[in-house]
Amino acid sequence: PLYSSAASDVYKRQVHISGLATAFPDGRVEVRITAENDSQVPISELEVGIQCADEHFSAHLEDVPAEGSAKTRVTLPRGSDCDPYQISLDGGQW
């Protein structure tokens, strides 16, 4: 089912997300996202929000295995101000 606000607390306890943003001297910004699935049910897709100053971006992960993890890398527009940044679990489909 599609991730819904009614079930958000359950899903957030079963899916842990982390991110690492790297700013390069040429202005590029890359964010590496990792999702850890603690449940026994595979996740077909996750949407992770990346909030940088006044800009919002999204990372999309697919096929997160049960009791496993998935990773993706997002390249943001040059000059994006991601100091600081915050990630959030914005949605998913199980």
C-alpha atoms as a PDB file:
ATOM      1  CA  PRO A   1       0.000   0.000   0.000  1.00  0.00           C
ATOM      2  CA  LEU A   2       1.000   3.592  -0.475  1.00  0.00           C
ATOM      3  CA  TYR A   3       2.542   5.235   2.590  1.00  0.00           C
ATOM      4  CA  SER A   4      -0.082   7.220   4.484  1.00  0.00           C
ATOM      5  CA  SER A   5      -0.040   9.575   7.438  1.00  0.00           C
ATOM      6  CA  ALA A   6      -2.195   7.172   9.481  1.00  0.00           C
ATOM      7  CA  ALA A   7       0.516   4.534   9.328  1.00  0.00           C
ATOM      8  CA  SER A   8       3.487   6.904   9.368  1.00  0.00           C
ATOM      9  CA  ASP A   9       4.635   6.119  12.920  1.00  0.00           C
ATOM     10  CA  VAL A  10       4.754   2.373  12.215  1.00  0.00           C
ATOM     11  CA  TYR A  11       6.670   2.807   8.955  1.00  0.00           C
ATOM     12  CA  LYS A  12       9.105   5.321  10.410  1.00  0.00           C
ATOM     13  CA  ARG A  13      10.037   2.838  13.146  1.00  0.00           C
ATOM     14  CA  GLN A  14      10.704   0.135  10.532  1.00  0.00           C
ATOM     15  CA  VAL A  15      12.588   2.268   7.996  1.00  0.00           C
ATOM     16  CA  HIS A  16      15.663   4.231   9.015  1.00  0.00           C
ATOM     17  CA  ILE A  17      17.122   6.750   6.611  1.00  0.00           C
ATOM     18  CA  SER A  18      20.457   8.510   6.698  1.00  0.00           C
ATOM     19  CA  GLY A  19      22.188  10.958   4.409  1.00  0.00           C
ATOM     20  CA  LEU A  20      25.600  12.412   3.752  1.00  0.00           C
ATOM     21  CA  ALA A  21      25.931  15.643   1.760  1.00  0.00           C
ATOM     22  CA  THR A  22      29.240  16.519   0.118  1.00  0.00           C
ATOM     23  CA  ALA A  23      29.974  19.970  -1.337  1.00  0.00           C
ATOM     24  CA  PHE A  24      32.751  20.034  -3.945  1.00  0.00           C
ATOM     25  CA  PRO A  25      34.988  23.046  -4.705  1.00  0.00           C
ATOM     26  CA  ASP A  26      33.384  23.433  -8.156  1.00  0.00           C
ATOM     27  CA  GLY A  27      29.941  24.027  -6.557  1.00  0.00           C
ATOM     28  CA  ARG A  28      28.522  20.524  -7.038  1.00  0.00           C
ATOM     29  CA  VAL A  29      26.600  19.013  -4.142  1.00  0.00           C
ATOM     30  CA  GLU A  30      25.982  15.280  -3.849  1.00  0.00           C
ATOM     31  CA  VAL A  31      23.770  13.632  -1.252  1.00  0.00           C
ATOM     32  CA  ARG A  32      24.103   9.918  -0.552  1.00  0.00           C
ATOM     33  CA  ILE A  33      20.957   8.397   0.944  1.00  0.00           C
ATOM     34  CA  THR A  34      20.753   5.026   2.701  1.00  0.00           C
ATOM     35  CA  ALA A  35      17.503   3.338   3.743  1.00  0.00           C
ATOM     36  CA  GLU A  36      17.553   0.451   6.224  1.00  0.00           C
ATOM     37  CA  ASN A  37      14.431  -1.739   6.241  1.00  0.00           C
ATOM     38  CA  ASP A  38      13.997  -3.441   9.627  1.00  0.00           C
ATOM     39  CA  SER A  39      10.740  -5.149   8.666  1.00  0.00           C
ATOM     40  CA  GLN A  40      10.204  -8.567   7.140  1.00  0.00           C
ATOM     41  CA  VAL A  41       8.349  -6.991   4.205  1.00  0.00           C
ATOM     42  CA  PRO A  42      10.209  -5.651   1.141  1.00  0.00           C
ATOM     43  CA  ILE A  43       9.623  -2.025   0.179  1.00  0.00           C
ATOM     44  CA  SER A  44       9.013  -1.424  -3.516  1.00  0.00           C
ATOM     45  CA  GLU A  45       9.812   2.295  -3.377  1.00  0.00           C
ATOM     46  CA  LEU A  46      10.647   5.119  -0.977  1.00  0.00           C
ATOM     47  CA  GLU A  47      10.644   8.867  -1.434  1.00  0.00           C
ATOM     48  CA  VAL A  48      13.167  10.741   0.733  1.00  0.00           C
ATOM     49  CA  GLY A  49      13.037  14.523   1.017  1.00  0.00           C
ATOM     50  CA  ILE A  50      16.209  16.597   1.152  1.00  0.00           C
ATOM     51  CA  GLN A  51      15.745  20.066   2.625  1.00  0.00           C
ATOM     52  CA  CYS A  52      18.607  22.479   1.908  1.00  0.00           C
ATOM     53  CA  ALA A  53      18.121  26.054   3.155  1.00  0.00           C
ATOM     54  CA  ASP A  54      15.086  27.223   1.142  1.00  0.00           C
ATOM     55  CA  GLU A  55      15.198  24.454  -1.489  1.00  0.00           C
ATOM     56  CA  HIS A  56      13.577  20.999  -1.381  1.00  0.00           C
ATOM     57  CA  PHE A  57      14.786  18.015  -3.408  1.00  0.00           C
ATOM     58  CA  SER A  58      13.774  14.351  -3.545  1.00  0.00           C
ATOM     59  CA  ALA A  59      15.612  11.045  -3.672  1.00  0.00           C
ATOM     60  CA  HIS A  60      13.892   7.918  -4.946  1.00  0.00           C
ATOM     61  CA  LEU A  61      14.877   4.436  -3.783  1.00  0.00           C
ATOM     62  CA  GLU A  62      13.470   1.197  -5.202  1.00  0.00           C
ATOM     63  CA  ASP A  63      13.398  -2.423  -4.088  1.00  0.00           C
ATOM     64  CA  VAL A  64      14.568  -2.157  -0.496  1.00  0.00           C
ATOM     65  CA  PRO A  65      14.748  -5.801   0.609  1.00  0.00           C
ATOM     66  CA  ALA A  66      13.195  -7.108   3.821  1.00  0.00           C
ATOM     67  CA  GLU A  67      15.712  -6.711   6.639  1.00  0.00           C
ATOM     68  CA  GLY A  68      18.092  -5.095   4.144  1.00  0.00           C
ATOM     69  CA  SER A  69      19.159  -1.746   2.769  1.00  0.00           C
ATOM     70  CA  ALA A  70      19.314   0.325  -0.398  1.00  0.00           C
ATOM     71  CA  LYS A  71      21.395   3.347  -1.382  1.00  0.00           C
ATOM     72  CA  THR A  72      21.176   6.116  -3.924  1.00  0.00           C
ATOM     73  CA  ARG A  73      23.087   9.266  -4.803  1.00  0.00           C
ATOM     74  CA  VAL A  74      21.466  12.545  -5.806  1.00  0.00           C
ATOM     75  CA  THR A  75      23.408  15.328  -7.521  1.00  0.00           C
ATOM     76  CA  LEU A  76      21.876  18.705  -6.669  1.00  0.00           C
ATOM     77  CA  PRO A  77      22.138  21.842  -8.799  1.00  0.00           C
ATOM     78  CA  ARG A  78      25.499  23.612  -8.558  1.00  0.00           C
ATOM     79  CA  GLY A  79      25.609  26.122  -5.744  1.00  0.00           C
ATOM     80  CA  SER A  80      22.828  24.534  -3.672  1.00  0.00           C
ATOM     81  CA  ASP A  81      23.159  25.727  -0.072  1.00  0.00           C
ATOM     82  CA  CYS A  82      23.013  22.526   1.991  1.00  0.00           C
ATOM     83  CA  ASP A  83      24.721  23.710   5.126  1.00  0.00           C
ATOM     84  CA  PRO A  84      22.767  22.623   7.063  1.00  0.00           C
ATOM     85  CA  TYR A  85      20.477  20.067   5.436  1.00  0.00           C
ATOM     86  CA  GLN A  86      17.765  17.716   6.672  1.00  0.00           C
ATOM     87  CA  ILE A  87      16.300  14.499   5.248  1.00  0.00           C
ATOM     88  CA  SER A  88      12.813  13.113   5.764  1.00  0.00           C
ATOM     89  CA  LEU A  89      10.824  10.027   4.836  1.00  0.00           C
ATOM     90  CA  ASP A  90       8.203  11.580   2.533  1.00  0.00           C
ATOM     91  CA  GLY A  91       6.488   8.449   1.234  1.00  0.00           C
ATOM     92  CA  GLY A  92       6.753   4.870   0.199  1.00  0.00           C
ATOM     93  CA  GLN A  93       5.055   1.855  -1.247  1.00  0.00           C
ATOM     94  CA  TRP A  94       5.161  -1.603   0.295  1.00  0.00           C
END
